[in-house]
C-alpha atoms as a PDB file:
ATOM      1  CA  MET A   1     -73.059  -2.966  -8.546  1.00  0.00           C
ATOM      2  CA  ALA A   2     -69.649  -1.313  -8.486  1.00  0.00           C
ATOM      3  CA  VAL A   3     -68.605   0.189  -5.184  1.00  0.00           C
ATOM      4  CA  ASN A   4     -65.863   2.784  -4.850  1.00  0.00           C
ATOM      5  CA  ILE A   5     -63.285   0.975  -2.728  1.00  0.00           C
ATOM      6  CA  ASN A   6     -60.927   2.974  -0.528  1.00  0.00           C
ATOM      7  CA  LEU A   7     -57.582   1.243  -0.021  1.00  0.00           C
ATOM      8  CA  GLN A   8     -57.587   2.452   3.593  1.00  0.00           C
ATOM      9  CA  SER A   9     -60.739   0.402   4.270  1.00  0.00           C
ATOM     10  CA  GLN A  10     -60.585  -2.807   6.265  1.00  0.00           C
ATOM     11  CA  VAL A  11     -62.174  -6.006   4.956  1.00  0.00           C
ATOM     12  CA  VAL A  12     -64.263  -7.768   7.591  1.00  0.00           C
ATOM     13  CA  ALA A  13     -65.685 -11.257   7.254  1.00  0.00           C
ATOM     14  CA  GLN A  14     -69.417 -11.384   7.929  1.00  0.00           C
ATOM     15  CA  ASP A  15     -70.292 -13.162  11.207  1.00  0.00           C
ATOM     16  CA  ASP A  16     -72.777 -15.460   9.507  1.00  0.00           C
ATOM     17  CA  VAL A  17     -70.442 -16.681   6.759  1.00  0.00           C
ATOM     18  CA  LEU A  18     -69.127 -20.224   6.714  1.00  0.00           C
ATOM     19  CA  VAL A  19     -65.669 -20.673   5.194  1.00  0.00           C
ATOM     20  CA  LYS A  20     -64.976 -24.200   3.957  1.00  0.00           C
ATOM     21  CA  GLN A  21     -61.761 -25.313   2.285  1.00  0.00           C
ATOM     22  CA  LEU A  22     -62.114 -28.191  -0.195  1.00  0.00           C
ATOM     23  CA  ASP A  23     -58.833 -29.454  -1.687  1.00  0.00           C
ATOM     24  CA  ASP A  24     -57.496 -26.510  -3.751  1.00  0.00           C
ATOM     25  CA  THR A  25     -60.649 -24.427  -3.492  1.00  0.00           C
ATOM     26  CA  CYS A  26     -62.597 -22.586  -0.845  1.00  0.00           C
ATOM     27  CA  VAL A  27     -66.270 -21.710  -0.567  1.00  0.00           C
ATOM     28  CA  LEU A  28     -67.632 -18.780   1.430  1.00  0.00           C
ATOM     29  CA  LEU A  29     -71.321 -19.280   2.237  1.00  0.00           C
ATOM     30  CA  ASN A  30     -73.543 -16.596   3.733  1.00  0.00           C
ATOM     31  CA  LEU A  31     -75.868 -18.588   5.984  1.00  0.00           C
ATOM     32  CA  LYS A  32     -78.494 -15.798   6.115  1.00  0.00           C
ATOM     33  CA  ASN A  33     -79.163 -15.525   2.383  1.00  0.00           C
ATOM     34  CA  ASN A  34     -77.404 -18.602   0.923  1.00  0.00           C
ATOM     35  CA  ASN A  35     -75.132 -16.445  -1.265  1.00  0.00           C
ATOM     36  CA  TYR A  36     -71.813 -18.132  -1.878  1.00  0.00           C
ATOM     37  CA  TYR A  37     -68.492 -17.309  -3.441  1.00  0.00           C
ATOM     38  CA  GLY A  38     -65.905 -19.824  -4.640  1.00  0.00           C
ATOM     39  CA  LEU A  39     -62.170 -19.163  -4.533  1.00  0.00           C
ATOM     40  CA  ASP A  40     -59.158 -21.014  -5.866  1.00  0.00           C
ATOM     41  CA  SER A  41     -56.105 -21.411  -3.636  1.00  0.00           C
ATOM     42  CA  THR A  42     -54.664 -18.016  -4.625  1.00  0.00           C
ATOM     43  CA  GLY A  43     -58.021 -16.307  -4.119  1.00  0.00           C
ATOM     44  CA  TYR A  44     -58.295 -17.920  -0.692  1.00  0.00           C
ATOM     45  CA  ALA A  45     -54.792 -16.684   0.225  1.00  0.00           C
ATOM     46  CA  PHE A  46     -55.810 -13.180  -0.911  1.00  0.00           C
ATOM     47  CA  TYR A  47     -59.059 -13.398   1.100  1.00  0.00           C
ATOM     48  CA  MET A  48     -57.245 -14.500   4.251  1.00  0.00           C
ATOM     49  CA  ARG A  49     -54.646 -11.740   3.916  1.00  0.00           C
ATOM     50  CA  LEU A  50     -57.427  -9.182   3.417  1.00  0.00           C
ATOM     51  CA  VAL A  51     -59.411 -10.172   6.519  1.00  0.00           C
ATOM     52  CA  GLU A  52     -56.265 -10.451   8.657  1.00  0.00           C
ATOM     53  CA  SER A  53     -54.891  -7.020   7.660  1.00  0.00           C
ATOM     54  CA  SER A  54     -55.752  -3.612   9.048  1.00  0.00           C
ATOM     55  CA  SER A  55     -56.415  -2.239   5.547  1.00  0.00           C
ATOM     56  CA  ILE A  56     -56.603  -3.227   1.906  1.00  0.00           C
ATOM     57  CA  LEU A  57     -53.424  -1.219   1.334  1.00  0.00           C
ATOM     58  CA  GLU A  58     -51.541  -3.219   3.985  1.00  0.00           C
ATOM     59  CA  ALA A  59     -52.777  -6.485   2.483  1.00  0.00           C
ATOM     60  CA  SER A  60     -51.712  -5.406  -1.016  1.00  0.00           C
ATOM     61  CA  LYS A  61     -48.191  -4.535   0.168  1.00  0.00           C
ATOM     62  CA  LEU A  62     -47.792  -7.890   1.919  1.00  0.00           C
ATOM     63  CA  LEU A  63     -49.243  -9.858  -1.000  1.00  0.00           C
ATOM     64  CA  ALA A  64     -47.043  -7.997  -3.513  1.00  0.00           C
ATOM     65  CA  GLU A  65     -44.018  -9.109  -1.468  1.00  0.00           C
ATOM     66  CA  ASP A  66     -45.333 -12.683  -1.114  1.00  0.00           C
ATOM     67  CA  TYR A  67     -46.021 -13.090  -4.837  1.00  0.00           C
ATOM     68  CA  GLU A  68     -43.255 -10.792  -6.111  1.00  0.00           C
ATOM     69  CA  VAL A  69     -45.619  -8.813  -8.331  1.00  0.00           C
ATOM     70  CA  ASN A  70     -46.263  -5.161  -9.061  1.00  0.00           C
ATOM     71  CA  GLU A  71     -48.336  -3.702  -6.235  1.00  0.00           C
ATOM     72  CA  ALA A  72     -50.498  -1.544  -8.530  1.00  0.00           C
ATOM     73  CA  ASP A  73     -51.494  -4.582 -10.601  1.00  0.00           C
ATOM     74  CA  LEU A  74     -52.167  -6.588  -7.468  1.00  0.00           C
ATOM     75  CA  GLN A  75     -54.344  -3.793  -6.051  1.00  0.00           C
ATOM     76  CA  GLN A  76     -56.573  -3.982  -9.119  1.00  0.00           C
ATOM     77  CA  ASP A  77     -56.877  -7.752  -8.667  1.00  0.00           C
ATOM     78  CA  LEU A  78     -57.792  -7.206  -4.999  1.00  0.00           C
ATOM     79  CA  ILE A  79     -60.414  -4.615  -5.904  1.00  0.00           C
ATOM     80  CA  ASN A  80     -61.977  -7.042  -8.387  1.00  0.00           C
ATOM     81  CA  LEU A  81     -62.003  -9.774  -5.734  1.00  0.00           C
ATOM     82  CA  ILE A  82     -63.483  -7.447  -3.116  1.00  0.00           C
ATOM     83  CA  GLN A  83     -66.224  -6.366  -5.561  1.00  0.00           C
ATOM     84  CA  GLY A  84     -67.250  -9.998  -6.015  1.00  0.00           C
ATOM     85  CA  LEU A  85     -67.129 -10.722  -2.287  1.00  0.00           C
ATOM     86  CA  LEU A  86     -69.251  -7.645  -1.569  1.00  0.00           C
ATOM     87  CA  GLU A  87     -71.809  -8.670  -4.205  1.00  0.00           C
ATOM     88  CA  ALA A  88     -72.031 -12.133  -2.615  1.00  0.00           C
ATOM     89  CA  GLU A  89     -72.454 -10.399   0.771  1.00  0.00           C
ATOM     90  CA  VAL A  90     -69.722 -12.456   2.430  1.00  0.00           C
ATOM     91  CA  ILE A  91     -67.630  -9.450   3.541  1.00  0.00           C
ATOM     92  CA  THR A  92     -68.140  -5.860   4.550  1.00  0.00           C
ATOM     93  CA  LEU A  93     -65.811  -2.849   4.501  1.00  0.00           C
ATOM     94  CA  ILE A  94     -65.182  -0.550   7.452  1.00  0.00           C
END
């Protein structure tokens, strides 16, 4: 289920989602429906930057600086990540 993602949107962690870091991975578990999403250390860093930023665009600018990568390429990676997180129902967009 592809959703049109606006870069001005803000990523919000669901209230009923447990975030558990395990070594170099992280698991996000929706306690209401038992959907989960696994992230590696980079994915977890992206997730944290997304939920701490005021918009996806702000997060992409900061992450592009952090990782010294092309922002347009990084935005596509973020959109793919957000799609998966939305499908697992562990985030919402506002």
